Amino acid sequence: MNSAFGEAEEERMGPQEKQDLQNAGHVRRHYIISGRVQEVGFRYTAYYIAEELKLSGWVANLPDGNVEMELQGRPETIDTLLCRLDGNGRIVIDTIEEEDRPLQRACGFKVRG
């Protein structure tokens, strides 16, 4: 699955950094999320939750009405973010396509497009 934004802004990391994150249980996942996800505050809600949970990555609206998001952190923390988004009230998630991605050096969470 190709990102609408091409290469990620985050830098590739060295083998030791990658090993340290893997040892801590971190993963990086790419999502395409459909439902009522645009014009309902999805991106900024994701931003505030990701910052609170100390996840890194990014989120962006897609022209087809879906949202694209990439998250890096512990799997249970990523699941917490997705559950909180879906239980937000205005946001309604119908489907989530998920794909694992390589870990990257990243800091913080960005709202794109």
PDB file of N, CA and C in Angstrom:
ATOM      1  N   MET A   1       0.853  -1.170   0.000  1.00  0.00           N
ATOM      2  CA  MET A   1       0.000   0.000   0.000  1.00  0.00           C
ATOM      3  C   MET A   1       0.901   1.234   0.000  1.00  0.00           C
ATOM      4  N   ASN A   2       0.720   2.138  -0.923  1.00  0.00           N
ATOM      5  CA  ASN A   2       1.528   3.339  -1.006  1.00  0.00           C
ATOM      6  C   ASN A   2       0.876   4.480  -0.252  1.00  0.00           C
ATOM      7  N   SER A   3       1.690   5.270   0.379  1.00  0.00           N
ATOM      8  CA  SER A   3       1.208   6.438   1.087  1.00  0.00           C
ATOM      9  C   SER A   3       0.939   7.560   0.093  1.00  0.00           C
ATOM     10  N   ALA A   4      -0.089   8.331   0.367  1.00  0.00           N
ATOM     11  CA  ALA A   4      -0.378   9.495  -0.465  1.00  0.00           C
ATOM     12  C   ALA A   4       0.719  10.545  -0.317  1.00  0.00           C
ATOM     13  N   PHE A   5       1.561  10.407   0.675  1.00  0.00           N
ATOM     14  CA  PHE A   5       2.577  11.402   0.950  1.00  0.00           C
ATOM     15  C   PHE A   5       3.977  10.922   0.629  1.00  0.00           C
ATOM     16  N   GLY A   6       4.104   9.796  -0.061  1.00  0.00           N
ATOM     17  CA  GLY A   6       5.412   9.306  -0.466  1.00  0.00           C
ATOM     18  C   GLY A   6       6.259   8.910   0.725  1.00  0.00           C
ATOM     19  N   GLU A   7       7.547   9.189   0.636  1.00  0.00           N
ATOM     20  CA  GLU A   7       8.461   8.808   1.710  1.00  0.00           C
ATOM     21  C   GLU A   7       8.116   9.546   2.994  1.00  0.00           C
ATOM     22  N   ALA A   8       8.210   8.849   4.083  1.00  0.00           N
ATOM     23  CA  ALA A   8       7.936   9.435   5.394  1.00  0.00           C
ATOM     24  C   ALA A   8       8.982  10.490   5.714  1.00  0.00           C
ATOM     25  N   GLU A   9       8.581  11.479   6.496  1.00  0.00           N
ATOM     26  CA  GLU A   9       9.498  12.536   6.902  1.00  0.00           C
ATOM     27  C   GLU A   9      10.492  12.023   7.933  1.00  0.00           C
ATOM     28  N   GLU A  10      10.111  11.011   8.699  1.00  0.00           N
ATOM     29  CA  GLU A  10      10.977  10.502   9.739  1.00  0.00           C
ATOM     30  C   GLU A  10      12.196   9.836   9.121  1.00  0.00           C
ATOM     31  N   GLU A  11      13.292   9.872   9.848  1.00  0.00           N
ATOM     32  CA  GLU A  11      14.542   9.307   9.359  1.00  0.00           C
ATOM     33  C   GLU A  11      14.608   7.815   9.665  1.00  0.00           C
ATOM     34  N   ARG A  12      15.342   7.101   8.834  1.00  0.00           N
ATOM     35  CA  ARG A  12      15.658   5.706   9.132  1.00  0.00           C
ATOM     36  C   ARG A  12      16.613   5.705  10.325  1.00  0.00           C
ATOM     37  N   MET A  13      16.578   4.643  11.092  1.00  0.00           N
ATOM     38  CA  MET A  13      17.430   4.598  12.271  1.00  0.00           C
ATOM     39  C   MET A  13      18.459   3.489  12.171  1.00  0.00           C
ATOM     40  N   GLY A  14      19.451   3.588  13.006  1.00  0.00           N
ATOM     41  CA  GLY A  14      20.511   2.594  13.041  1.00  0.00           C
ATOM     42  C   GLY A  14      20.035   1.288  13.652  1.00  0.00           C
ATOM     43  N   PRO A  15      20.813   0.226  13.464  1.00  0.00           N
ATOM     44  CA  PRO A  15      20.423  -1.097  13.955  1.00  0.00           C
ATOM     45  C   PRO A  15      20.222  -1.148  15.470  1.00  0.00           C
ATOM     46  N   GLN A  16      21.066  -0.450  16.242  1.00  0.00           N
ATOM     47  CA  GLN A  16      20.924  -0.487  17.708  1.00  0.00           C
ATOM     48  C   GLN A  16      19.655   0.226  18.152  1.00  0.00           C
ATOM     49  N   GLU A  17      19.364   1.380  17.541  1.00  0.00           N
ATOM     50  CA  GLU A  17      18.126   2.096  17.875  1.00  0.00           C
ATOM     51  C   GLU A  17      16.903   1.232  17.577  1.00  0.00           C
ATOM     52  N   LYS A  18      16.929   0.593  16.417  1.00  0.00           N
ATOM     53  CA  LYS A  18      15.829  -0.274  16.014  1.00  0.00           C
ATOM     54  C   LYS A  18      15.682  -1.433  16.996  1.00  0.00           C
ATOM     55  N   GLN A  19      16.787  -2.037  17.372  1.00  0.00           N
ATOM     56  CA  GLN A  19      16.748  -3.161  18.307  1.00  0.00           C
ATOM     57  C   GLN A  19      16.192  -2.724  19.665  1.00  0.00           C
ATOM     58  N   ASP A  20      16.591  -1.546  20.129  1.00  0.00           N
ATOM     59  CA  ASP A  20      16.096  -1.032  21.402  1.00  0.00           C
ATOM     60  C   ASP A  20      14.576  -0.854  21.376  1.00  0.00           C
ATOM     61  N   LEU A  21      14.048  -0.296  20.279  1.00  0.00           N
ATOM     62  CA  LEU A  21      12.598  -0.124  20.162  1.00  0.00           C
ATOM     63  C   LEU A  21      11.886  -1.469  20.077  1.00  0.00           C
ATOM     64  N   GLN A  22      12.454  -2.400  19.314  1.00  0.00           N
ATOM     65  CA  GLN A  22      11.856  -3.726  19.217  1.00  0.00           C
ATOM     66  C   GLN A  22      11.859  -4.411  20.581  1.00  0.00           C
ATOM     67  N   ASN A  23      12.951  -4.284  21.332  1.00  0.00           N
ATOM     68  CA  ASN A  23      13.034  -4.877  22.667  1.00  0.00           C
ATOM     69  C   ASN A  23      11.996  -4.268  23.604  1.00  0.00           C
ATOM     70  N   ALA A  24      11.654  -3.013  23.382  1.00  0.00           N
ATOM     71  CA  ALA A  24      10.632  -2.341  24.189  1.00  0.00           C
ATOM     72  C   ALA A  24       9.223  -2.671  23.699  1.00  0.00           C
ATOM     73  N   GLY A  25       9.129  -3.472  22.628  1.00  0.00           N
ATOM     74  CA  GLY A  25       7.824  -3.904  22.129  1.00  0.00           C
ATOM     75  C   GLY A  25       7.175  -2.952  21.150  1.00  0.00           C
ATOM     76  N   HIS A  26       7.930  -2.022  20.602  1.00  0.00           N
ATOM     77  CA  HIS A  26       7.358  -1.047  19.677  1.00  0.00           C
ATOM     78  C   HIS A  26       7.157  -1.631  18.285  1.00  0.00           C
ATOM     79  N   VAL A  27       6.104  -1.147  17.628  1.00  0.00           N
ATOM     80  CA  VAL A  27       5.789  -1.491  16.241  1.00  0.00           C
ATOM     81  C   VAL A  27       5.430  -0.200  15.516  1.00  0.00           C
ATOM     82  N   ARG A  28       5.401  -0.266  14.204  1.00  0.00           N
ATOM     83  CA  ARG A  28       4.920   0.853  13.383  1.00  0.00           C
ATOM     84  C   ARG A  28       3.868   0.290  12.457  1.00  0.00           C
ATOM     85  N   ARG A  29       2.698   0.941  12.417  1.00  0.00           N
ATOM     86  CA  ARG A  29       1.598   0.450  11.599  1.00  0.00           C
ATOM     87  C   ARG A  29       0.995   1.582  10.770  1.00  0.00           C
ATOM     88  N   HIS A  30       0.632   1.220   9.561  1.00  0.00           N
ATOM     89  CA  HIS A  30      -0.009   2.142   8.618  1.00  0.00           C
ATOM     90  C   HIS A  30      -1.478   1.766   8.517  1.00  0.00           C
ATOM     91  N   TYR A  31      -2.351   2.776   8.527  1.00  0.00           N
ATOM     92  CA  TYR A  31      -3.796   2.546   8.499  1.00  0.00           C
ATOM     93  C   TYR A  31      -4.469   3.372   7.415  1.00  0.00           C
ATOM     94  N   ILE A  32      -5.491   2.785   6.798  1.00  0.00           N
ATOM     95  CA  ILE A  32      -6.474   3.524   6.010  1.00  0.00           C
ATOM     96  C   ILE A  32      -7.794   3.308   6.736  1.00  0.00           C
ATOM     97  N   ILE A  33      -8.415   4.389   7.156  1.00  0.00           N
ATOM     98  CA  ILE A  33      -9.608   4.315   7.992  1.00  0.00           C
ATOM     99  C   ILE A  33     -10.777   4.943   7.249  1.00  0.00           C
ATOM    100  N   SER A  34     -11.874   4.200   7.183  1.00  0.00           N
ATOM    101  CA  SER A  34     -13.063   4.720   6.503  1.00  0.00           C
ATOM    102  C   SER A  34     -14.219   4.814   7.486  1.00  0.00           C
ATOM    103  N   GLY A  35     -15.201   5.596   7.112  1.00  0.00           N
ATOM    104  CA  GLY A  35     -16.378   5.844   7.940  1.00  0.00           C
ATOM    105  C   GLY A  35     -16.654   7.332   7.948  1.00  0.00           C
ATOM    106  N   ARG A  36     -17.205   7.816   9.056  1.00  0.00           N
ATOM    107  CA  ARG A  36     -17.394   9.264   9.208  1.00  0.00           C
ATOM    108  C   ARG A  36     -16.123   9.775   9.887  1.00  0.00           C
ATOM    109  N   VAL A  37     -15.111  10.065   9.051  1.00  0.00           N
ATOM    110  CA  VAL A  37     -13.778  10.384   9.568  1.00  0.00           C
ATOM    111  C   VAL A  37     -13.239  11.726   9.072  1.00  0.00           C
ATOM    112  N   GLN A  38     -13.970  12.406   8.215  1.00  0.00           N
ATOM    113  CA  GLN A  38     -13.564  13.746   7.799  1.00  0.00           C
ATOM    114  C   GLN A  38     -14.643  14.738   8.216  1.00  0.00           C
ATOM    115  N   GLU A  39     -14.186  15.957   8.518  1.00  0.00           N
ATOM    116  CA  GLU A  39     -15.061  17.047   8.969  1.00  0.00           C
ATOM    117  C   GLU A  39     -15.722  16.736  10.309  1.00  0.00           C
ATOM    118  N   VAL A  40     -15.052  15.902  11.112  1.00  0.00           N
ATOM    119  CA  VAL A  40     -15.543  15.569  12.453  1.00  0.00           C
ATOM    120  C   VAL A  40     -14.441  15.711  13.503  1.00  0.00           C
ATOM    121  N   GLY A  41     -13.303  16.302  13.124  1.00  0.00           N
ATOM    122  CA  GLY A  41     -12.199  16.505  14.055  1.00  0.00           C
ATOM    123  C   GLY A  41     -11.294  15.299  14.238  1.00  0.00           C
ATOM    124  N   PHE A  42     -11.343  14.355  13.302  1.00  0.00           N
ATOM    125  CA  PHE A  42     -10.563  13.124  13.438  1.00  0.00           C
ATOM    126  C   PHE A  42      -9.070  13.404  13.601  1.00  0.00           C
ATOM    127  N   ARG A  43      -8.496  14.206  12.699  1.00  0.00           N
ATOM    128  CA  ARG A  43      -7.043  14.401  12.702  1.00  0.00           C
ATOM    129  C   ARG A  43      -6.551  15.043  13.996  1.00  0.00           C
ATOM    130  N   TYR A  44      -7.245  16.074  14.463  1.00  0.00           N
ATOM    131  CA  TYR A  44      -6.778  16.750  15.669  1.00  0.00           C
ATOM    132  C   TYR A  44      -7.102  15.962  16.927  1.00  0.00           C
ATOM    133  N   THR A  45      -8.167  15.189  16.916  1.00  0.00           N
ATOM    134  CA  THR A  45      -8.435  14.276  18.030  1.00  0.00           C
ATOM    135  C   THR A  45      -7.334  13.226  18.083  1.00  0.00           C
ATOM    136  N   ALA A  46      -6.969  12.669  16.926  1.00  0.00           N
ATOM    137  CA  ALA A  46      -5.871  11.693  16.866  1.00  0.00           C
ATOM    138  C   ALA A  46      -4.580  12.327  17.378  1.00  0.00           C
ATOM    139  N   TYR A  47      -4.332  13.562  16.984  1.00  0.00           N
ATOM    140  CA  TYR A  47      -3.125  14.268  17.421  1.00  0.00           C
ATOM    141  C   TYR A  47      -3.068  14.378  18.944  1.00  0.00           C
ATOM    142  N   TYR A  48      -4.144  14.846  19.563  1.00  0.00           N
ATOM    143  CA  TYR A  48      -4.145  15.046  21.014  1.00  0.00           C
ATOM    144  C   TYR A  48      -4.031  13.723  21.769  1.00  0.00           C
ATOM    145  N   ILE A  49      -4.691  12.683  21.282  1.00  0.00           N
ATOM    146  CA  ILE A  49      -4.590  11.368  21.930  1.00  0.00           C
ATOM    147  C   ILE A  49      -3.183  10.806  21.750  1.00  0.00           C
ATOM    148  N   ALA A  50      -2.632  10.907  20.544  1.00  0.00           N
ATOM    149  CA  ALA A  50      -1.284  10.399  20.286  1.00  0.00           C
ATOM    150  C   ALA A  50      -0.255  11.113  21.162  1.00  0.00           C
ATOM    151  N   GLU A  51      -0.382  12.417  21.294  1.00  0.00           N
ATOM    152  CA  GLU A  51       0.537  13.172  22.151  1.00  0.00           C
ATOM    153  C   GLU A  51       0.407  12.718  23.603  1.00  0.00           C
ATOM    154  N   GLU A  52      -0.811  12.545  24.061  1.00  0.00           N
ATOM    155  CA  GLU A  52      -1.054  12.102  25.436  1.00  0.00           C
ATOM    156  C   GLU A  52      -0.450  10.711  25.680  1.00  0.00           C
ATOM    157  N   LEU A  53      -0.592   9.820  24.692  1.00  0.00           N
ATOM    158  CA  LEU A  53      -0.107   8.443  24.827  1.00  0.00           C
ATOM    159  C   LEU A  53       1.353   8.283  24.411  1.00  0.00           C
ATOM    160  N   LYS A  54       1.976   9.381  23.989  1.00  0.00           N
ATOM    161  CA  LYS A  54       3.383   9.391  23.557  1.00  0.00           C
ATOM    162  C   LYS A  54       3.646   8.467  22.366  1.00  0.00           C
ATOM    163  N   LEU A  55       2.702   8.466  21.427  1.00  0.00           N
ATOM    164  CA  LEU A  55       2.874   7.749  20.167  1.00  0.00           C
ATOM    165  C   LEU A  55       3.464   8.709  19.141  1.00  0.00           C
ATOM    166  N   SER A  56       4.202   8.190  18.193  1.00  0.00           N
ATOM    167  CA  SER A  56       4.695   9.022  17.105  1.00  0.00           C
ATOM    168  C   SER A  56       4.008   8.605  15.814  1.00  0.00           C
ATOM    169  N   GLY A  57       4.122   9.458  14.798  1.00  0.00           N
ATOM    170  CA  GLY A  57       3.541   9.167  13.504  1.00  0.00           C
ATOM    171  C   GLY A  57       2.881  10.374  12.891  1.00  0.00           C
ATOM    172  N   TRP A  58       1.839  10.124  12.108  1.00  0.00           N
ATOM    173  CA  TRP A  58       1.149  11.203  11.407  1.00  0.00           C
ATOM    174  C   TRP A  58      -0.245  10.756  10.987  1.00  0.00           C
ATOM    175  N   VAL A  59      -1.084  11.732  10.623  1.00  0.00           N
ATOM    176  CA  VAL A  59      -2.437  11.473  10.145  1.00  0.00           C
ATOM    177  C   VAL A  59      -2.760  12.495   9.052  1.00  0.00           C
ATOM    178  N   ALA A  60      -3.543  12.068   8.044  1.00  0.00           N
ATOM    179  CA  ALA A  60      -3.896  12.958   6.931  1.00  0.00           C
ATOM    180  C   ALA A  60      -5.230  12.543   6.332  1.00  0.00           C
ATOM    181  N   ASN A  61      -5.961  13.524   5.839  1.00  0.00           N
ATOM    182  CA  ASN A  61      -7.172  13.252   5.063  1.00  0.00           C
ATOM    183  C   ASN A  61      -6.768  12.802   3.666  1.00  0.00           C
ATOM    184  N   LEU A  62      -7.556  11.896   3.095  1.00  0.00           N
ATOM    185  CA  LEU A  62      -7.365  11.464   1.716  1.00  0.00           C
ATOM    186  C   LEU A  62      -8.491  12.026   0.856  1.00  0.00           C
ATOM    187  N   PRO A  63      -8.251  12.230  -0.432  1.00  0.00           N
ATOM    188  CA  PRO A  63      -9.272  12.801  -1.315  1.00  0.00           C
ATOM    189  C   PRO A  63     -10.544  11.953  -1.412  1.00  0.00           C
ATOM    190  N   ASP A  64     -10.450  10.647  -1.136  1.00  0.00           N
ATOM    191  CA  ASP A  64     -11.627   9.775  -1.259  1.00  0.00           C
ATOM    192  C   ASP A  64     -12.520   9.781  -0.020  1.00  0.00           C
ATOM    193  N   GLY A  65     -12.214  10.620   0.973  1.00  0.00           N
ATOM    194  CA  GLY A  65     -13.024  10.708   2.181  1.00  0.00           C
ATOM    195  C   GLY A  65     -12.521   9.854   3.327  1.00  0.00           C
ATOM    196  N   ASN A  66     -11.493   9.057   3.085  1.00  0.00           N
ATOM    197  CA  ASN A  66     -10.892   8.244   4.140  1.00  0.00           C
ATOM    198  C   ASN A  66      -9.784   9.027   4.827  1.00  0.00           C
ATOM    199  N   VAL A  67      -9.227   8.439   5.864  1.00  0.00           N
ATOM    200  CA  VAL A  67      -8.097   9.020   6.577  1.00  0.00           C
ATOM    201  C   VAL A  67      -6.960   8.019   6.543  1.00  0.00           C
ATOM    202  N   GLU A  68      -5.743   8.523   6.349  1.00  0.00           N
ATOM    203  CA  GLU A  68      -4.537   7.712   6.367  1.00  0.00           C
ATOM    204  C   GLU A  68      -3.759   8.076   7.631  1.00  0.00           C
ATOM    205  N   MET A  69      -3.248   7.058   8.319  1.00  0.00           N
ATOM    206  CA  MET A  69      -2.537   7.323   9.564  1.00  0.00           C
ATOM    207  C   MET A  69      -1.427   6.299   9.745  1.00  0.00           C
ATOM    208  N   GLU A  70      -0.326   6.752  10.324  1.00  0.00           N
ATOM    209  CA  GLU A  70       0.762   5.857  10.662  1.00  0.00           C
ATOM    210  C   GLU A  70       1.109   6.107  12.123  1.00  0.00           C
ATOM    211  N   LEU A  71       1.201   5.018  12.894  1.00  0.00           N
ATOM    212  CA  LEU A  71       1.455   5.120  14.323  1.00  0.00           C
ATOM    213  C   LEU A  71       2.623   4.233  14.709  1.00  0.00           C
ATOM    214  N   GLN A  72       3.432   4.726  15.638  1.00  0.00           N
ATOM    215  CA  GLN A  72       4.543   3.940  16.161  1.00  0.00           C
ATOM    216  C   GLN A  72       4.499   3.992  17.678  1.00  0.00           C
ATOM    217  N   GLY A  73       4.595   2.813  18.284  1.00  0.00           N
ATOM    218  CA  GLY A  73       4.582   2.683  19.736  1.00  0.00           C
ATOM    219  C   GLY A  73       4.269   1.243  20.095  1.00  0.00           C
ATOM    220  N   ARG A  74       3.888   1.018  21.325  1.00  0.00           N
ATOM    221  CA  ARG A  74       3.524  -0.330  21.753  1.00  0.00           C
ATOM    222  C   ARG A  74       2.139  -0.670  21.200  1.00  0.00           C
ATOM    223  N   PRO A  75       1.917  -1.914  20.768  1.00  0.00           N
ATOM    224  CA  PRO A  75       0.629  -2.284  20.157  1.00  0.00           C
ATOM    225  C   PRO A  75      -0.584  -1.970  21.022  1.00  0.00           C
ATOM    226  N   GLU A  76      -0.492  -2.203  22.314  1.00  0.00           N
ATOM    227  CA  GLU A  76      -1.642  -1.936  23.184  1.00  0.00           C
ATOM    228  C   GLU A  76      -1.940  -0.442  23.288  1.00  0.00           C
ATOM    229  N   THR A  77      -0.902   0.385  23.173  1.00  0.00           N
ATOM    230  CA  THR A  77      -1.109   1.840  23.206  1.00  0.00           C
ATOM    231  C   THR A  77      -1.746   2.309  21.901  1.00  0.00           C
ATOM    232  N   ILE A  78      -1.321   1.738  20.786  1.00  0.00           N
ATOM    233  CA  ILE A  78      -1.937   2.046  19.492  1.00  0.00           C
ATOM    234  C   ILE A  78      -3.409   1.639  19.515  1.00  0.00           C
ATOM    235  N   ASP A  79      -3.710   0.458  20.054  1.00  0.00           N
ATOM    236  CA  ASP A  79      -5.101   0.005  20.158  1.00  0.00           C
ATOM    237  C   ASP A  79      -5.933   0.959  21.016  1.00  0.00           C
ATOM    238  N   THR A  80      -5.331   1.485  22.080  1.00  0.00           N
ATOM    239  CA  THR A  80      -6.028   2.452  22.935  1.00  0.00           C
ATOM    240  C   THR A  80      -6.408   3.687  22.132  1.00  0.00           C
ATOM    241  N   LEU A  81      -5.486   4.201  21.323  1.00  0.00           N
ATOM    242  CA  LEU A  81      -5.784   5.375  20.497  1.00  0.00           C
ATOM    243  C   LEU A  81      -6.946   5.080  19.556  1.00  0.00           C
ATOM    244  N   LEU A  82      -6.913   3.943  18.877  1.00  0.00           N
ATOM    245  CA  LEU A  82      -7.980   3.609  17.925  1.00  0.00           C
ATOM    246  C   LEU A  82      -9.327   3.467  18.628  1.00  0.00           C
ATOM    247  N   CYS A  83      -9.356   2.862  19.803  1.00  0.00           N
ATOM    248  CA  CYS A  83     -10.609   2.718  20.562  1.00  0.00           C
ATOM    249  C   CYS A  83     -11.145   4.076  21.001  1.00  0.00           C
ATOM    250  N   ARG A  84     -10.253   4.942  21.448  1.00  0.00           N
ATOM    251  CA  ARG A  84     -10.690   6.268  21.886  1.00  0.00           C
ATOM    252  C   ARG A  84     -11.205   7.104  20.716  1.00  0.00           C
ATOM    253  N   LEU A  85     -10.599   6.954  19.556  1.00  0.00           N
ATOM    254  CA  LEU A  85     -11.107   7.657  18.371  1.00  0.00           C
ATOM    255  C   LEU A  85     -12.516   7.183  18.028  1.00  0.00           C
ATOM    256  N   ASP A  86     -12.692   5.868  18.009  1.00  0.00           N
ATOM    257  CA  ASP A  86     -13.990   5.295  17.623  1.00  0.00           C
ATOM    258  C   ASP A  86     -15.069   5.618  18.644  1.00  0.00           C
ATOM    259  N   GLY A  87     -14.705   5.792  19.893  1.00  0.00           N
ATOM    260  CA  GLY A  87     -15.684   6.107  20.928  1.00  0.00           C
ATOM    261  C   GLY A  87     -15.862   7.587  21.147  1.00  0.00           C
ATOM    262  N   ASN A  88     -15.384   8.398  20.211  1.00  0.00           N
ATOM    263  CA  ASN A  88     -15.375   9.852  20.364  1.00  0.00           C
ATOM    264  C   ASN A  88     -16.744  10.497  20.227  1.00  0.00           C
ATOM    265  N   GLY A  89     -17.700   9.866  19.590  1.00  0.00           N
ATOM    266  CA  GLY A  89     -19.023  10.462  19.409  1.00  0.00           C
ATOM    267  C   GLY A  89     -19.269  10.892  17.978  1.00  0.00           C
ATOM    268  N   ARG A  90     -18.590  11.917  17.527  1.00  0.00           N
ATOM    269  CA  ARG A  90     -18.773  12.399  16.149  1.00  0.00           C
ATOM    270  C   ARG A  90     -18.086  11.499  15.141  1.00  0.00           C
ATOM    271  N   ILE A  91     -16.988  10.893  15.532  1.00  0.00           N
ATOM    272  CA  ILE A  91     -16.207  10.018  14.648  1.00  0.00           C
ATOM    273  C   ILE A  91     -16.839   8.630  14.652  1.00  0.00           C
ATOM    274  N   VAL A  92     -17.037   8.080  13.450  1.00  0.00           N
ATOM    275  CA  VAL A  92     -17.541   6.709  13.328  1.00  0.00           C
ATOM    276  C   VAL A  92     -16.607   5.955  12.382  1.00  0.00           C
ATOM    277  N   ILE A  93     -15.920   4.961  12.927  1.00  0.00           N
ATOM    278  CA  ILE A  93     -15.005   4.149  12.118  1.00  0.00           C
ATOM    279  C   ILE A  93     -15.758   2.920  11.635  1.00  0.00           C
ATOM    280  N   ASP A  94     -15.818   2.760  10.298  1.00  0.00           N
ATOM    281  CA  ASP A  94     -16.451   1.581   9.705  1.00  0.00           C
ATOM    282  C   ASP A  94     -15.440   0.473   9.457  1.00  0.00           C
ATOM    283  N   THR A  95     -14.342   0.805   8.791  1.00  0.00           N
ATOM    284  CA  THR A  95     -13.316  -0.199   8.496  1.00  0.00           C
ATOM    285  C   THR A  95     -11.927   0.385   8.702  1.00  0.00           C
ATOM    286  N   ILE A  96     -11.000  -0.515   9.031  1.00  0.00           N
ATOM    287  CA  ILE A  96      -9.600  -0.143   9.191  1.00  0.00           C
ATOM    288  C   ILE A  96      -8.759  -1.151   8.420  1.00  0.00           C
ATOM    289  N   GLU A  97      -7.992  -0.651   7.451  1.00  0.00           N
ATOM    290  CA  GLU A  97      -6.993  -1.481   6.771  1.00  0.00           C
ATOM    291  C   GLU A  97      -5.678  -1.225   7.478  1.00  0.00           C
ATOM    292  N   GLU A  98      -4.972  -2.290   7.823  1.00  0.00           N
ATOM    293  CA  GLU A  98      -3.746  -2.177   8.614  1.00  0.00           C
ATOM    294  C   GLU A  98      -2.593  -2.881   7.913  1.00  0.00           C
ATOM    295  N   GLU A  99      -1.428  -2.257   7.977  1.00  0.00           N
ATOM    296  CA  GLU A  99      -0.215  -2.849   7.403  1.00  0.00           C
ATOM    297  C   GLU A  99       0.970  -2.505   8.286  1.00  0.00           C
ATOM    298  N   ASP A 100       1.786  -3.498   8.605  1.00  0.00           N
ATOM    299  CA  ASP A 100       3.000  -3.240   9.380  1.00  0.00           C
ATOM    300  C   ASP A 100       4.013  -2.500   8.522  1.00  0.00           C
ATOM    301  N   ARG A 101       4.755  -1.617   9.155  1.00  0.00           N
ATOM    302  CA  ARG A 101       5.812  -0.850   8.502  1.00  0.00           C
ATOM    303  C   ARG A 101       7.088  -0.949   9.332  1.00  0.00           C
ATOM    304  N   PRO A 102       8.239  -0.668   8.714  1.00  0.00           N
ATOM    305  CA  PRO A 102       9.494  -0.685   9.481  1.00  0.00           C
ATOM    306  C   PRO A 102       9.521   0.454  10.504  1.00  0.00           C
ATOM    307  N   LEU A 103      10.117   0.188  11.645  1.00  0.00           N
ATOM    308  CA  LEU A 103      10.292   1.225  12.653  1.00  0.00           C
ATOM    309  C   LEU A 103      11.147   2.347  12.082  1.00  0.00           C
ATOM    310  N   GLN A 104      10.884   3.563  12.552  1.00  0.00           N
ATOM    311  CA  GLN A 104      11.632   4.736  12.102  1.00  0.00           C
ATOM    312  C   GLN A 104      11.981   5.593  13.298  1.00  0.00           C
ATOM    313  N   ARG A 105      13.048   6.380  13.134  1.00  0.00           N
ATOM    314  CA  ARG A 105      13.350   7.384  14.144  1.00  0.00           C
ATOM    315  C   ARG A 105      12.280   8.456  14.011  1.00  0.00           C
ATOM    316  N   ALA A 106      11.583   8.683  15.077  1.00  0.00           N
ATOM    317  CA  ALA A 106      10.483   9.641  14.994  1.00  0.00           C
ATOM    318  C   ALA A 106      10.300  10.317  16.344  1.00  0.00           C
ATOM    319  N   CYS A 107       9.815  11.520  16.298  1.00  0.00           N
ATOM    320  CA  CYS A 107       9.476  12.203  17.542  1.00  0.00           C
ATOM    321  C   CYS A 107       8.185  12.976  17.321  1.00  0.00           C
ATOM    322  N   GLY A 108       7.241  12.700  18.139  1.00  0.00           N
ATOM    323  CA  GLY A 108       5.975  13.413  18.064  1.00  0.00           C
ATOM    324  C   GLY A 108       5.042  12.889  16.993  1.00  0.00           C
ATOM    325  N   PHE A 109       3.927  13.553  16.885  1.00  0.00           N
ATOM    326  CA  PHE A 109       2.864  13.168  15.976  1.00  0.00           C
ATOM    327  C   PHE A 109       2.481  14.395  15.161  1.00  0.00           C
ATOM    328  N   LYS A 110       2.305  14.215  13.852  1.00  0.00           N
ATOM    329  CA  LYS A 110       2.028  15.348  12.956  1.00  0.00           C
ATOM    330  C   LYS A 110       0.672  15.200  12.283  1.00  0.00           C
ATOM    331  N   VAL A 111       0.020  16.327  12.082  1.00  0.00           N
ATOM    332  CA  VAL A 111      -1.197  16.392  11.268  1.00  0.00           C
ATOM    333  C   VAL A 111      -0.768  16.889   9.908  1.00  0.00           C
ATOM    334  N   ARG A 112      -1.083  16.099   8.876  1.00  0.00           N
ATOM    335  CA  ARG A 112      -0.766  16.456   7.487  1.00  0.00           C
ATOM    336  C   ARG A 112      -2.062  16.683   6.721  1.00  0.00           C
ATOM    337  N   GLY A 113      -1.916  17.375   5.596  1.00  0.00           N
ATOM    338  CA  GLY A 113      -3.004  17.563   4.657  1.00  0.00           C
ATOM    339  C   GLY A 113      -4.337  17.682   5.242  1.00  0.00           C
TER     340      GLY A 113
END
